[in-house]
């Protein structure tokens, strides 16, 4: 069985974070799930905010990021553009998945232009979580 060692959920809606966390953890394939409430927080986390790293020891950088599009302060697209401008920020993070309520094809196209290969429409399901773990994860005893 493959697992994702750490998952970062970036979403400003606490209810969405709670539901997504529950769905992904219940699969048994995501031993470390943590979140950031908006784009500025995730960029700060990747820039080396020592308090954020201390809050998540041993699980940073995350293997996978679920990134909402519509957030205050800094949208998911703004985050992707920041990462594109400074590729060293993302480090060993394997993949960034857009996780959004948007079904707009223009959002999918824009995300793809910014390097996103996965686009999940909320709410994510256990099948989505398992598929992502199987595609991007490592063997459980690795």
Protein backbone atom coordinates (compact mmCIF):
# COMPACT_ATOMS: atom_id res chain seq x y z
CA UNK A 1 0.00 0.00 0.00
CA UNK A 2 1.26 3.47 -0.86
CA UNK A 3 1.03 6.44 1.49
CA UNK A 4 1.57 10.17 1.32
CA UNK A 5 3.82 10.92 4.29
CA UNK A 6 2.48 14.44 4.73
CA UNK A 7 -0.38 16.39 3.22
CA UNK A 8 -0.88 20.15 3.44
CA UNK A 9 -4.42 21.46 2.90
CA UNK A 10 -4.53 25.16 1.98
CA UNK A 11 -8.08 26.43 2.37
CA UNK A 12 -9.72 29.37 4.12
CA UNK A 13 -12.91 27.44 4.94
CA UNK A 14 -12.49 25.56 8.26
CA UNK A 15 -15.39 23.25 7.41
CA UNK A 16 -13.75 22.23 4.13
CA UNK A 17 -10.45 21.66 5.92
CA UNK A 18 -12.12 19.50 8.55
CA UNK A 19 -14.06 17.42 6.01
CA UNK A 20 -11.05 16.96 3.72
CA UNK A 21 -8.83 16.01 6.64
CA UNK A 22 -11.35 13.43 7.81
CA UNK A 23 -11.78 11.90 4.34
CA UNK A 24 -8.05 11.64 3.68
CA UNK A 25 -7.12 10.37 7.17
CA UNK A 26 -9.80 7.67 7.09
CA UNK A 27 -8.11 6.04 4.11
CA UNK A 28 -5.14 5.20 6.33
CA UNK A 29 -2.80 6.57 3.68
CA UNK A 30 -2.13 10.05 5.09
CA UNK A 31 -0.40 9.81 8.49
CA UNK A 32 0.34 13.55 8.73
CA UNK A 33 -2.27 16.07 7.59
CA UNK A 34 -1.93 19.76 8.41
CA UNK A 35 -3.37 22.96 7.02
CA UNK A 36 -2.77 26.60 6.20
CA UNK A 37 -5.69 29.07 6.21
CA UNK A 38 -4.70 31.13 3.16
CA UNK A 39 -2.12 31.67 0.47
CA UNK A 40 0.08 34.04 2.46
CA UNK A 41 0.38 31.45 5.21
CA UNK A 42 1.48 28.72 2.81
CA UNK A 43 4.07 30.96 1.15
CA UNK A 44 5.41 31.92 4.59
CA UNK A 45 5.54 28.25 5.52
CA UNK A 46 7.56 27.42 2.43
CA UNK A 47 9.80 30.46 2.90
CA UNK A 48 10.95 28.99 6.18
CA UNK A 49 8.72 30.46 8.85
CA UNK A 50 10.38 28.81 11.84
CA UNK A 51 7.24 28.84 13.97
CA UNK A 52 5.32 27.02 11.23
CA UNK A 53 8.09 24.44 10.83
CA UNK A 54 8.16 23.90 14.59
CA UNK A 55 4.40 23.32 14.57
CA UNK A 56 4.83 20.53 12.00
CA UNK A 57 8.10 18.77 12.84
CA UNK A 58 9.19 16.00 10.53
CA UNK A 59 6.44 16.55 7.98
CA UNK A 60 7.75 19.52 6.07
CA UNK A 61 7.99 19.99 3.18
CA UNK A 62 4.77 18.11 2.46
CA UNK A 63 4.68 15.41 -0.20
CA UNK A 64 1.37 16.72 -1.51
CA UNK A 65 -0.48 20.04 -1.29
CA UNK A 66 -4.23 20.49 -1.80
CA UNK A 67 -4.64 24.12 -2.82
CA UNK A 68 -7.94 25.98 -2.94
CA UNK A 69 -8.34 28.63 -5.64
CA UNK A 70 -10.57 31.23 -4.02
CA UNK A 71 -9.05 32.50 -0.79
CA UNK A 72 -8.70 35.97 0.72
CA UNK A 73 -5.36 37.79 0.73
CA UNK A 74 -3.71 35.47 -1.78
CA UNK A 75 -5.55 33.07 -4.10
CA UNK A 76 -4.38 29.62 -5.04
CA UNK A 77 -3.31 31.01 -8.40
CA UNK A 78 -1.26 33.69 -6.62
CA UNK A 79 0.45 30.93 -4.64
CA UNK A 80 1.23 29.00 -7.82
CA UNK A 81 2.65 32.15 -9.42
CA UNK A 82 4.83 32.75 -6.35
CA UNK A 83 6.11 29.17 -6.59
CA UNK A 84 6.69 29.56 -10.33
CA UNK A 85 8.70 32.74 -9.73
CA UNK A 86 10.75 31.03 -6.99
CA UNK A 87 10.89 27.29 -7.75
CA UNK A 88 13.26 26.60 -4.85
CA UNK A 89 10.39 27.38 -2.47
CA UNK A 90 8.57 24.11 -3.15
CA UNK A 91 11.63 21.98 -2.43
CA UNK A 92 10.80 18.28 -2.26
CA UNK A 93 7.04 18.72 -2.53
CA UNK A 94 5.97 16.22 -5.16
CA UNK A 95 2.73 17.66 -6.42
CA UNK A 96 0.27 20.47 -5.95
CA UNK A 97 -3.39 19.60 -6.52
CA UNK A 98 -6.00 22.28 -7.08
CA UNK A 99 -8.88 21.42 -4.74
CA UNK A 100 -11.73 23.76 -5.39
CA UNK A 101 -15.45 24.18 -5.87
CA UNK A 102 -14.80 25.72 -9.30
CA UNK A 103 -15.86 23.73 -12.33
CA UNK A 104 -14.81 26.49 -14.73
CA UNK A 105 -12.69 25.07 -17.59
CA UNK A 106 -10.68 28.33 -17.61
CA UNK A 107 -9.56 27.59 -14.03
CA UNK A 108 -8.42 24.11 -15.08
CA UNK A 109 -6.50 25.56 -18.03
CA UNK A 110 -4.85 28.24 -15.91
CA UNK A 111 -3.88 25.68 -13.28
CA UNK A 112 -2.37 23.43 -15.95
CA UNK A 113 -0.35 26.35 -17.35
CA UNK A 114 1.05 26.84 -13.83
CA UNK A 115 2.15 23.22 -13.58
CA UNK A 116 -0.80 21.65 -11.79
CA UNK A 117 -1.46 18.11 -13.02
CA UNK A 118 -4.39 17.25 -10.72
CA UNK A 119 -7.63 19.18 -10.30
CA UNK A 120 -10.19 17.95 -7.72
CA UNK A 121 -13.65 19.42 -7.37
CA UNK A 122 -14.82 19.65 -3.74
CA UNK A 123 -15.68 17.66 -1.83
CA UNK A 124 -12.87 15.17 -2.32
CA UNK A 125 -13.83 11.54 -1.84
CA UNK A 126 -12.01 8.60 -0.33
CA UNK A 127 -11.56 7.31 -3.89
CA UNK A 128 -9.80 10.60 -4.78
CA UNK A 129 -7.54 10.27 -1.73
CA UNK A 130 -6.64 6.66 -2.55
CA UNK A 131 -5.99 7.49 -6.22
CA UNK A 132 -3.62 10.33 -5.24
CA UNK A 133 -1.78 8.11 -2.75
CA UNK A 134 -1.43 5.34 -5.32
CA UNK A 135 -0.15 7.78 -7.94
CA UNK A 136 2.21 9.93 -5.85
CA UNK A 137 2.86 7.98 -2.67
CA UNK A 138 5.64 5.77 -1.39
CA UNK A 139 5.39 2.22 -0.11
CA UNK A 140 4.16 2.24 3.49
CA UNK A 141 7.38 0.74 4.85
CA UNK A 142 9.64 3.10 2.87
